[in-house]
Amino acid sequence: MTISSEGKITDVNKATELVTGIPREKLIGSDFSDYFTTPEKARKGYHEVFEKGFVRDYPLAIRHISGNITDVLYNATVYKNEIGEVQGIFAAARDITQRKYAENELRKAHDELEIRVKERTSELAKANEALKAEINERKKAQENLIQSLAEKELLIKEVHHRVKNNLQIVSSMFELQSTYMKDKQAIMAFREGQNRVATMALIHEKLYRSGDLSRIRFAEYIEELTSNIFVSYGVNSNQIRLNINVGEVFFDVNTAIPCGLIINELVSNSIKHAFTDGRKGEINIELRPENMEKYLMTINDNGRGFPPDLDFRNSETLGLKLVITLTKQLNGDNRA
């Protein structure tokens, strides 16, 4: 569609005729804003094009003469004559009806999940009261202990399962939102956020499937975590090799999550910054006991290294700030 500086339609394509239900000869010469559900918003976007020279992904809705509504994203730019004078606007719309439908379906799925969680919680609460009444009636302390422990284990597994599912929903929302973005830095920020959420979700998945709900086999967790990171960044294992040296170490959830997030940040940093320009190399992760109360975790690579003027303990980057904060949370210290 082309629009004059007075806001009148000067030309349209076949798609515009189809989406409005109005033939080309009637559209030409009419006010462009008449065919949107929100004419004021359309005119606002029109003026913004003249001010900035363009608009990108401007959300509007077109009304068909039958009453049907089509959600679209408009991209528009000004066009000029041979001496550089602005003559009007060229605008193109992208139909996002299916995407809107997918968003609504995702929202419905989330709401249904919340309802099921509440219903399940209510059922568990009722079952718990019934169990207590039965135990009190029978007055069997030993049976009470066994049943209570079994119930707690099921509840803890259920909690880990719910947390993992909710984190996966958040991760899916990150993925869906990132598809709307064009800025590479914004997409990278969303990917990093998605990896952090996935790091926490993996812990809860491990606990849910573990026979021991108090401990996580950390070597197995690191292998799966780093494999997910490599896949996320599309790393070629022939270019960057990962070496993991972790023995039979078991951590509880309060230790495993911060350690996992630290590994995620540092391995991600190595992938992004240490091996640029097709450089090959290695990333090494080692975890070993230092004394009876402390472990030493070492993460390094043979890539480019930190810039000479970078003080990683006082870095402004979110990733390194997280590493410092999480290390303090573990009562640890950072060594260069």
Protein backbone atom coordinates (compact mmCIF):
# COMPACT_ATOMS: atom_id res chain seq x y z
CA MET A 1 0.00 0.00 0.00
CA THR A 2 1.19 3.55 -0.75
CA ILE A 3 -0.20 6.54 1.11
CA SER A 4 0.10 10.22 0.19
CA SER A 5 1.31 12.92 2.53
CA GLU A 6 -2.38 13.83 3.07
CA GLY A 7 -3.16 10.33 4.35
CA LYS A 8 -4.97 9.16 1.19
CA ILE A 9 -4.39 5.75 -0.35
CA THR A 10 -2.65 6.06 -3.72
CA ASP A 11 -2.14 2.40 -4.57
CA VAL A 12 -2.81 -1.08 -3.13
CA ASN A 13 -1.97 -4.66 -3.98
CA LYS A 14 -4.25 -7.67 -4.23
CA ALA A 15 -3.58 -8.67 -0.61
CA THR A 16 -5.03 -5.36 0.61
CA GLU A 17 -8.19 -5.95 -1.42
CA LEU A 18 -8.55 -9.44 0.08
CA VAL A 19 -7.96 -8.40 3.69
CA THR A 20 -10.43 -5.46 3.49
CA GLY A 21 -12.94 -6.98 1.07
CA ILE A 22 -12.94 -3.71 -0.90
CA PRO A 23 -11.88 -3.41 -4.55
CA ARG A 24 -8.83 -1.40 -5.52
CA GLU A 25 -10.73 1.38 -7.26
CA LYS A 26 -12.69 2.16 -4.09
CA LEU A 27 -9.67 1.98 -1.81
CA ILE A 28 -7.66 4.47 -3.87
CA GLY A 29 -8.40 8.00 -2.76
CA SER A 30 -9.92 6.99 0.58
CA ASP A 31 -8.42 7.74 3.99
CA PHE A 32 -6.05 4.90 4.94
CA SER A 33 -7.15 4.90 8.62
CA ASP A 34 -10.79 4.07 7.80
CA TYR A 35 -10.04 0.34 7.51
CA PHE A 36 -8.47 -0.20 10.92
CA THR A 37 -10.26 -1.03 14.16
CA THR A 38 -8.36 1.80 15.86
CA PRO A 39 -8.10 4.70 13.38
CA GLU A 40 -6.45 6.99 15.94
CA LYS A 41 -3.66 4.50 16.54
CA ALA A 42 -3.22 4.05 12.77
CA ARG A 43 -2.91 7.82 12.30
CA LYS A 44 -0.43 8.00 15.17
CA GLY A 45 1.76 5.40 13.44
CA TYR A 46 1.37 7.31 10.16
CA HIS A 47 2.70 10.51 11.74
CA GLU A 48 5.52 8.56 13.37
CA VAL A 49 6.69 7.40 9.93
CA PHE A 50 6.98 11.01 8.78
CA GLU A 51 8.85 11.95 11.97
CA LYS A 52 11.31 9.04 11.98
CA GLY A 53 11.26 8.00 8.35
CA PHE A 54 10.02 4.49 9.21
CA VAL A 55 8.17 2.26 11.68
CA ARG A 56 8.86 -1.41 12.38
CA ASP A 57 6.34 -4.08 13.45
CA TYR A 58 3.61 -1.58 14.31
CA PRO A 59 0.60 -3.58 15.66
CA LEU A 60 -2.81 -2.85 14.12
CA ALA A 61 -6.00 -4.73 13.23
CA ILE A 62 -7.77 -4.51 9.86
CA ARG A 63 -11.57 -4.81 9.67
CA HIS A 64 -13.00 -6.71 6.67
CA ILE A 65 -16.33 -5.45 5.29
CA SER A 66 -17.81 -8.72 6.56
CA GLY A 67 -16.79 -7.83 10.11
CA ASN A 68 -13.84 -10.20 10.38
CA ILE A 69 -10.73 -8.81 12.06
CA THR A 70 -7.15 -9.54 10.95
CA ASP A 71 -4.26 -8.77 13.31
CA VAL A 72 -1.19 -7.45 11.47
CA LEU A 73 2.23 -5.93 12.03
CA TYR A 74 3.00 -2.96 9.77
CA ASN A 75 6.39 -1.91 8.46
CA ALA A 76 6.42 1.45 6.70
CA THR A 77 8.93 3.87 5.22
CA VAL A 78 8.69 7.23 3.48
CA TYR A 79 9.41 7.51 -0.23
CA LYS A 80 10.89 10.58 -1.91
CA ASN A 81 11.04 12.14 -5.34
CA GLU A 82 14.24 12.64 -7.31
CA ILE A 83 15.13 15.82 -5.37
CA GLY A 84 14.66 14.22 -1.98
CA GLU A 85 11.21 15.57 -1.08
CA VAL A 86 8.99 13.18 0.88
CA GLN A 87 6.02 12.24 -1.28
CA GLY A 88 4.27 9.68 0.88
CA ILE A 89 4.56 6.36 2.65
CA PHE A 90 5.04 2.81 1.49
CA ALA A 91 3.50 0.34 3.98
CA ALA A 92 3.45 -3.46 4.10
CA ALA A 93 1.56 -5.64 6.59
CA ARG A 94 2.31 -9.11 7.94
CA ASP A 95 -0.63 -11.26 9.08
CA ILE A 96 -0.03 -12.47 12.67
CA THR A 97 -3.38 -14.17 13.19
CA GLN A 98 -1.78 -17.60 13.63
CA ARG A 99 0.82 -16.23 16.00
CA LYS A 100 -1.89 -14.57 18.10
CA TYR A 101 -3.71 -17.88 18.15
CA ALA A 102 -0.55 -19.67 19.32
CA GLU A 103 -0.04 -17.10 22.06
CA ASN A 104 -3.60 -17.53 23.26
CA GLU A 105 -3.25 -21.31 23.22
CA LEU A 106 -0.05 -21.08 25.26
CA ARG A 107 -1.77 -18.78 27.74
CA LYS A 108 -4.72 -21.18 28.00
CA ALA A 109 -2.35 -24.10 28.59
CA HIS A 110 -0.63 -22.16 31.36
CA ASP A 111 -3.96 -21.29 32.99
CA GLU A 112 -5.14 -24.89 32.76
CA LEU A 113 -1.89 -26.05 34.35
CA GLU A 114 -2.40 -23.62 37.23
CA ILE A 115 -5.92 -24.94 37.74
CA ARG A 116 -4.70 -28.54 37.75
CA VAL A 117 -1.96 -27.66 40.24
CA LYS A 118 -4.51 -26.03 42.56
CA GLU A 119 -6.87 -28.97 42.22
CA ARG A 120 -4.05 -31.42 42.87
CA THR A 121 -2.91 -29.39 45.89
CA SER A 122 -6.45 -29.41 47.25
CA GLU A 123 -6.71 -33.17 46.71
CA LEU A 124 -3.39 -33.75 48.46
CA ALA A 125 -4.50 -31.57 51.38
CA LYS A 126 -7.71 -33.58 51.73
CA ALA A 127 -5.78 -36.84 51.47
CA ASN A 128 -3.41 -35.62 54.16
CA GLU A 129 -6.30 -34.83 56.54
CA ALA A 130 -7.87 -38.21 55.86
CA LEU A 131 -4.54 -39.92 56.55
CA LYS A 132 -4.11 -38.07 59.83
CA ALA A 133 -7.62 -39.03 60.92
CA GLU A 134 -6.95 -42.68 60.12
CA ILE A 135 -3.62 -42.61 61.98
CA ASN A 136 -5.19 -41.00 65.04
CA GLU A 137 -7.97 -43.59 65.01
CA ARG A 138 -5.65 -46.56 64.84
CA LYS A 139 -3.06 -44.99 67.20
CA LYS A 140 -0.21 -46.79 65.54
CA ALA A 141 2.83 -44.59 65.85
CA GLN A 142 5.04 -46.79 63.71
CA GLU A 143 2.57 -46.92 60.84
CA ASN A 144 2.05 -43.17 61.21
CA LEU A 145 5.79 -42.54 60.72
CA ILE A 146 6.05 -44.79 57.66
CA GLN A 147 3.02 -43.32 55.93
CA SER A 148 4.02 -39.78 56.79
CA LEU A 149 7.53 -40.26 55.34
CA ALA A 150 6.12 -41.82 52.20
CA GLU A 151 3.69 -38.92 51.77
CA LYS A 152 6.42 -36.33 52.24
CA GLU A 153 8.54 -38.00 49.58
CA LEU A 154 5.65 -37.94 47.14
CA LEU A 155 4.93 -34.31 47.96
CA ILE A 156 8.58 -33.33 47.49
CA LYS A 157 8.68 -35.16 44.14
CA GLU A 158 5.47 -33.39 43.15
CA VAL A 159 6.94 -30.04 44.15
CA HIS A 160 10.10 -30.65 42.09
CA HIS A 161 7.95 -31.79 39.18
CA ARG A 162 5.78 -28.67 39.35
CA VAL A 163 8.76 -26.35 39.67
CA LYS A 164 10.41 -28.02 36.67
CA ASN A 165 7.21 -27.73 34.61
CA ASN A 166 6.72 -24.07 35.50
CA LEU A 167 10.35 -23.29 34.65
CA GLN A 168 9.90 -25.02 31.30
CA ILE A 169 6.86 -22.83 30.64
CA VAL A 170 9.00 -19.76 31.39
CA SER A 171 11.67 -21.11 29.02
CA SER A 172 9.04 -21.61 26.30
CA MET A 173 7.85 -18.04 26.81
CA PHE A 174 11.44 -16.81 26.37
CA GLU A 175 11.66 -18.81 23.14
CA LEU A 176 8.32 -17.49 21.86
CA GLN A 177 9.15 -13.88 22.74
CA SER A 178 12.58 -14.07 21.09
CA THR A 179 10.93 -14.91 17.75
CA TYR A 180 9.44 -11.40 17.71
CA MET A 181 12.83 -9.73 18.06
CA LYS A 182 15.24 -8.59 15.39
CA ASP A 183 17.98 -7.11 17.57
CA LYS A 184 20.82 -9.62 17.98
CA GLN A 185 21.76 -8.39 21.45
CA ALA A 186 18.16 -8.75 22.65
CA ILE A 187 17.95 -12.26 21.19
CA MET A 188 21.25 -13.16 22.91
CA ALA A 189 19.96 -11.78 26.22
CA PHE A 190 16.82 -13.90 25.92
CA ARG A 191 18.93 -16.99 25.09
CA GLU A 192 21.08 -16.39 28.17
CA GLY A 193 17.99 -15.99 30.34
CA GLN A 194 16.54 -19.15 28.84
CA ASN A 195 19.76 -21.07 29.63
CA ARG A 196 19.67 -19.87 33.25
CA VAL A 197 16.09 -21.06 33.63
CA ALA A 198 17.00 -24.39 31.98
CA THR A 199 19.92 -24.79 34.43
CA MET A 200 17.52 -24.58 37.38
CA ALA A 201 14.87 -26.73 35.71
CA LEU A 202 17.44 -29.50 35.14
CA ILE A 203 18.19 -29.67 38.88
CA HIS A 204 14.52 -30.22 39.70
CA GLU A 205 14.23 -32.82 36.94
CA LYS A 206 17.22 -34.70 38.40
CA LEU A 207 15.73 -34.61 41.90
CA TYR A 208 12.32 -35.70 40.64
CA ARG A 209 13.82 -38.78 39.00
CA SER A 210 16.33 -39.48 41.76
CA GLY A 211 15.91 -42.15 44.39
CA ASP A 212 17.56 -39.83 46.91
CA LEU A 213 15.75 -36.49 47.06
CA SER A 214 18.45 -34.88 49.19
CA ARG A 215 21.45 -35.41 46.87
CA ILE A 216 22.32 -34.91 43.21
CA ARG A 217 25.11 -36.80 41.44
CA PHE A 218 26.93 -33.69 40.26
CA ALA A 219 29.11 -35.22 37.52
CA GLU A 220 26.03 -36.50 35.71
CA TYR A 221 24.34 -33.11 36.11
CA ILE A 222 27.35 -31.19 34.70
CA GLU A 223 27.51 -33.45 31.65
CA GLU A 224 23.85 -32.86 30.79
CA LEU A 225 24.02 -29.16 31.62
CA THR A 226 27.08 -28.46 29.43
CA SER A 227 25.65 -30.58 26.63
CA ASN A 228 22.53 -28.37 26.67
CA ILE A 229 24.69 -25.22 26.62
CA PHE A 230 26.68 -26.47 23.61
CA VAL A 231 23.43 -27.26 21.76
CA SER A 232 21.96 -23.84 22.66
CA TYR A 233 24.93 -22.01 21.13
CA GLY A 234 25.29 -24.41 18.20
CA VAL A 235 28.85 -25.36 19.18
CA ASN A 236 30.77 -27.74 16.94
CA SER A 237 32.43 -30.30 19.25
CA ASN A 238 35.24 -30.61 16.71
CA GLN A 239 36.05 -26.94 17.29
CA ILE A 240 35.61 -26.69 21.07
CA ARG A 241 36.32 -29.77 23.20
CA LEU A 242 34.91 -30.06 26.70
CA ASN A 243 36.88 -31.88 29.41
CA ILE A 244 35.05 -32.73 32.65
CA ASN A 245 36.93 -34.08 35.65
CA VAL A 246 34.47 -34.63 38.50
CA GLY A 247 34.46 -37.65 40.77
CA GLU A 248 31.68 -39.10 42.93
CA VAL A 249 30.41 -35.76 44.24
CA PHE A 250 26.88 -35.33 45.59
CA PHE A 251 25.31 -31.93 46.33
CA ASP A 252 21.94 -30.93 47.74
CA VAL A 253 19.68 -28.55 45.80
CA ASN A 254 20.87 -25.45 47.70
CA THR A 255 24.43 -26.09 46.54
CA ALA A 256 23.73 -27.63 43.13
CA ILE A 257 21.67 -24.72 41.73
CA PRO A 258 24.27 -21.96 42.43
CA CYS A 259 27.09 -24.21 41.17
CA GLY A 260 25.10 -25.02 38.03
CA LEU A 261 24.42 -21.35 37.35
CA ILE A 262 28.12 -20.52 37.81
CA ILE A 263 29.06 -23.25 35.31
CA ASN A 264 26.40 -21.98 32.89
CA GLU A 265 27.74 -18.41 33.02
CA LEU A 266 31.43 -19.28 32.69
CA VAL A 267 31.04 -21.94 29.98
CA SER A 268 28.72 -19.60 28.04
CA ASN A 269 31.30 -16.80 28.33
CA SER A 270 34.03 -19.11 27.01
CA ILE A 271 31.91 -20.13 24.05
CA LYS A 272 30.99 -16.52 23.19
CA HIS A 273 34.32 -14.78 23.78
CA ALA A 274 37.26 -17.19 24.02
CA PHE A 275 37.07 -18.87 20.61
CA THR A 276 36.21 -16.14 18.13
CA ASP A 277 37.26 -16.13 14.47
CA GLY A 278 36.98 -19.92 14.19
CA ARG A 279 39.61 -20.55 16.84
CA LYS A 280 39.73 -24.13 18.21
CA GLY A 281 40.34 -24.99 21.84
CA GLU A 282 39.26 -26.65 25.06
CA ILE A 283 37.08 -25.84 28.05
CA ASN A 284 37.99 -27.64 31.27
CA ILE A 285 35.78 -28.19 34.32
CA GLU A 286 37.25 -29.76 37.45
CA LEU A 287 35.70 -30.27 40.88
CA ARG A 288 37.59 -31.82 43.79
CA PRO A 289 37.52 -31.67 47.59
CA GLU A 290 39.96 -29.14 49.03
CA ASN A 291 39.39 -30.07 52.69
CA MET A 292 36.65 -31.57 54.84
CA GLU A 293 34.31 -28.62 54.32
CA LYS A 294 35.32 -27.05 51.01
CA TYR A 295 35.40 -27.99 47.33
CA LEU A 296 37.53 -26.38 44.64
CA MET A 297 35.77 -25.90 41.30
CA THR A 298 37.99 -24.85 38.40
CA ILE A 299 36.63 -23.69 35.04
CA ASN A 300 39.12 -22.53 32.40
CA ASP A 301 39.81 -22.53 28.69
CA ASN A 302 42.80 -22.08 26.40
CA GLY A 303 41.15 -19.34 24.37
CA ARG A 304 41.84 -15.61 24.18
CA GLY A 305 41.61 -14.94 27.93
CA PHE A 306 40.33 -11.88 29.75
CA PRO A 307 41.24 -8.44 28.37
CA PRO A 308 44.22 -6.99 30.33
CA ASP A 309 42.12 -4.13 31.74
CA LEU A 310 39.23 -6.34 32.96
CA ASP A 311 38.76 -6.81 36.72
CA PHE A 312 36.35 -9.74 36.78
CA ARG A 313 35.54 -9.14 40.46
CA ASN A 314 34.19 -5.68 39.60
CA SER A 315 32.79 -6.34 36.15
CA GLU A 316 29.68 -4.53 34.90
CA THR A 317 28.47 -7.58 32.95
CA LEU A 318 25.49 -9.45 34.37
CA GLY A 319 27.10 -12.89 33.91
CA LEU A 320 30.23 -12.13 35.95
CA LYS A 321 28.17 -10.29 38.58
CA LEU A 322 26.07 -13.43 38.94
CA VAL A 323 29.20 -15.57 39.36
CA ILE A 324 30.52 -13.31 42.13
CA THR A 325 27.12 -13.19 43.89
CA LEU A 326 26.54 -16.94 43.65
CA THR A 327 30.04 -17.67 44.95
CA LYS A 328 29.35 -15.50 47.99
CA GLN A 329 26.05 -17.33 48.46
CA LEU A 330 28.05 -20.57 48.68
CA ASN A 331 30.48 -18.97 51.18
CA GLY A 332 33.21 -19.38 48.61
CA ASP A 333 35.85 -17.15 47.07
CA ASN A 334 36.83 -16.33 43.48
CA ARG A 335 40.36 -17.07 42.34
CA ALA A 336 41.87 -15.92 39.08
